[in-house]
Every structure is written in C-alpha cells, then in structure tokens.
Amino acid sequence: MVSHRLQISLGMSLLLGATMLSAGAAHARDPAAGKAKAGMCATCHGPLGLSQLPNAPHLAGQPAIYLVEQLKNYRSGRRQNEVMGVIAKPLTDQEIDDLAAWYSSIPISVTAK
C-alpha cells in the first residue's frame, strides 16, 4: 500500500513535470520568426549575424543558450550596454527564443589561408 505522503509526492512530481513540458511548448523556438525580428539587429550585427562594427560581436553560429542568456541579461540590466539595453528591454521571452533560434541556425565556416 502506498503511503499518503508518497502519493502526494508523486502527484506533485507529475504536476511539476507537466508544467515544465507545457512551458517548453509555449516557448518553442522559431528561426523564421527570429529572422523577421532580426532586422533591428542588422545595423550592428549584419543581416546574417556577421558584425558590421568593430565593437559588436558576430551572432551567427552562436549557441542559442548563450544568446538567450545574454539577451535576458541585457533586458534585466544585469549586463550593461547603452544600445543593447534599449534594444533588449521590450523583447519578450518568445522573441528572445526566436532570435536565438535564428542566429544559432546560421551556418558558419572557416577557411584557413
């Protein structure tokens, strides 16, 4: 016979798992939506994520998890940059996920000379 505490614990675990799954589904990354949103990034980071300015990093090929973390840090003010703070502030979690999906999906290659 299963104890009452074990039943509650199992129930809470199932609820937590279902919540995590539904949250993941709500934030499915969409590279096409990210590409559409990335127009605002092109001035500094280039239309394909290759920087046009010496003080702006390349975004193409960066891991999505890294891009998400950095955009959220700019949005919250944890990471400081006058331009990026303004750009990131209004972004939703979904838009950040989409932008990360777009930039991480851009293939990059290196050719040795």
Protein backbone atom coordinates (compact mmCIF):
# COMPACT_ATOMS: atom_id res chain seq x y z
CA MET A 1 0.00 0.00 0.00
CA VAL A 2 1.33 3.45 -0.97
CA SER A 3 1.59 5.95 1.86
CA HIS A 4 -0.32 9.22 1.70
CA ARG A 5 2.97 11.21 1.65
CA LEU A 6 4.27 9.18 -1.27
CA GLN A 7 1.03 9.74 -3.18
CA ILE A 8 1.29 13.50 -2.61
CA SER A 9 4.96 13.48 -3.60
CA LEU A 10 4.23 11.55 -6.80
CA GLY A 11 1.33 13.85 -7.62
CA MET A 12 3.48 16.94 -7.15
CA SER A 13 6.23 15.44 -9.33
CA LEU A 14 3.75 14.73 -12.12
CA LEU A 15 2.31 18.23 -11.85
CA LEU A 16 5.77 19.79 -11.96
CA GLY A 17 6.72 17.67 -14.98
CA ALA A 18 3.54 18.62 -16.84
CA THR A 19 4.12 22.30 -16.05
CA MET A 20 7.67 22.13 -17.37
CA LEU A 21 6.53 20.41 -20.56
CA SER A 22 3.80 22.95 -21.22
CA ALA A 23 6.20 25.84 -20.54
CA GLY A 24 8.65 24.35 -23.03
CA ALA A 25 5.94 24.04 -25.65
CA ALA A 26 4.91 27.66 -25.09
CA HIS A 27 8.44 28.79 -25.91
CA ALA A 28 9.22 26.65 -28.93
CA ARG A 29 11.94 28.45 -30.84
CA ASP A 30 11.03 29.65 -34.33
CA PRO A 31 14.02 30.61 -36.51
CA ALA A 32 11.74 32.17 -39.18
CA ALA A 33 10.15 34.48 -36.61
CA GLY A 34 13.62 35.29 -35.29
CA LYS A 35 14.84 36.15 -38.79
CA ALA A 36 11.87 38.50 -39.22
CA LYS A 37 12.60 40.16 -35.87
CA ALA A 38 16.37 40.40 -36.53
CA GLY A 39 16.04 43.42 -38.81
CA MET A 40 16.60 45.63 -35.78
CA CYS A 41 19.91 43.83 -35.14
CA ALA A 42 21.30 44.11 -38.70
CA THR A 43 22.74 47.62 -38.37
CA CYS A 44 25.38 46.47 -35.90
CA HIS A 45 25.42 42.67 -36.24
CA GLY A 46 24.83 42.43 -40.01
CA PRO A 47 21.89 40.88 -41.88
CA LEU A 48 23.34 37.38 -41.43
CA GLY A 49 24.79 37.87 -37.96
CA LEU A 50 28.25 38.89 -39.12
CA SER A 51 29.19 42.10 -37.35
CA GLN A 52 29.49 45.33 -39.27
CA LEU A 53 31.11 47.23 -36.40
CA PRO A 54 34.37 46.52 -34.57
CA ASN A 55 32.73 46.64 -31.13
CA ALA A 56 29.74 44.41 -32.00
CA PRO A 57 30.16 40.62 -31.87
CA HIS A 58 29.20 38.17 -34.58
CA LEU A 59 25.95 36.40 -33.69
CA ALA A 60 25.84 33.81 -36.49
CA GLY A 61 26.50 30.30 -35.23
CA GLN A 62 26.46 31.25 -31.54
CA PRO A 63 24.78 28.66 -29.31
CA ALA A 64 21.11 29.51 -28.68
CA ILE A 65 21.50 29.03 -24.92
CA TYR A 66 24.26 31.67 -24.86
CA LEU A 67 22.26 34.16 -26.94
CA VAL A 68 19.16 33.71 -24.77
CA GLU A 69 21.16 34.27 -21.59
CA GLN A 70 22.88 37.39 -22.92
CA LEU A 71 19.69 38.98 -24.26
CA LYS A 72 17.93 38.35 -20.96
CA ASN A 73 20.90 39.85 -19.11
CA TYR A 74 20.71 42.99 -21.27
CA ARG A 75 16.94 43.14 -20.79
CA SER A 76 17.22 42.94 -17.00
CA GLY A 77 20.16 45.34 -16.79
CA ARG A 78 22.45 42.64 -15.40
CA ARG A 79 24.65 43.18 -18.47
CA GLN A 80 25.23 46.81 -19.39
CA ASN A 81 25.43 48.36 -22.84
CA GLU A 82 23.60 51.55 -23.75
CA VAL A 83 22.38 50.32 -27.14
CA MET A 84 21.67 46.71 -26.20
CA GLY A 85 19.83 47.75 -23.06
CA VAL A 86 17.38 49.76 -25.18
CA ILE A 87 17.06 47.03 -27.83
CA ALA A 88 16.56 44.15 -25.37
CA LYS A 89 14.26 45.88 -22.86
CA PRO A 90 10.98 45.37 -24.81
CA LEU A 91 11.77 41.83 -26.03
CA THR A 92 9.50 39.05 -24.80
CA ASP A 93 10.86 35.64 -23.82
CA GLN A 94 9.39 34.25 -27.06
CA GLU A 95 11.11 36.91 -29.18
CA ILE A 96 14.42 36.20 -27.44
CA ASP A 97 13.98 32.46 -28.07
CA ASP A 98 13.17 33.14 -31.73
CA LEU A 99 16.16 35.45 -32.23
CA ALA A 100 18.43 32.86 -30.61
CA ALA A 101 17.00 30.15 -32.88
CA TRP A 102 17.65 32.28 -35.97
CA TYR A 103 21.22 33.25 -35.16
CA SER A 104 22.21 29.81 -33.93
CA SER A 105 20.83 28.26 -37.13
CA ILE A 106 23.08 30.31 -39.42
CA PRO A 107 25.89 28.05 -40.62
CA ILE A 108 29.38 29.46 -40.36
CA SER A 109 32.60 28.13 -41.82
CA VAL A 110 36.24 28.98 -41.55
CA THR A 111 38.77 28.74 -44.34
CA ALA A 112 42.48 28.67 -43.49
CA LYS A 113 44.73 30.75 -45.69
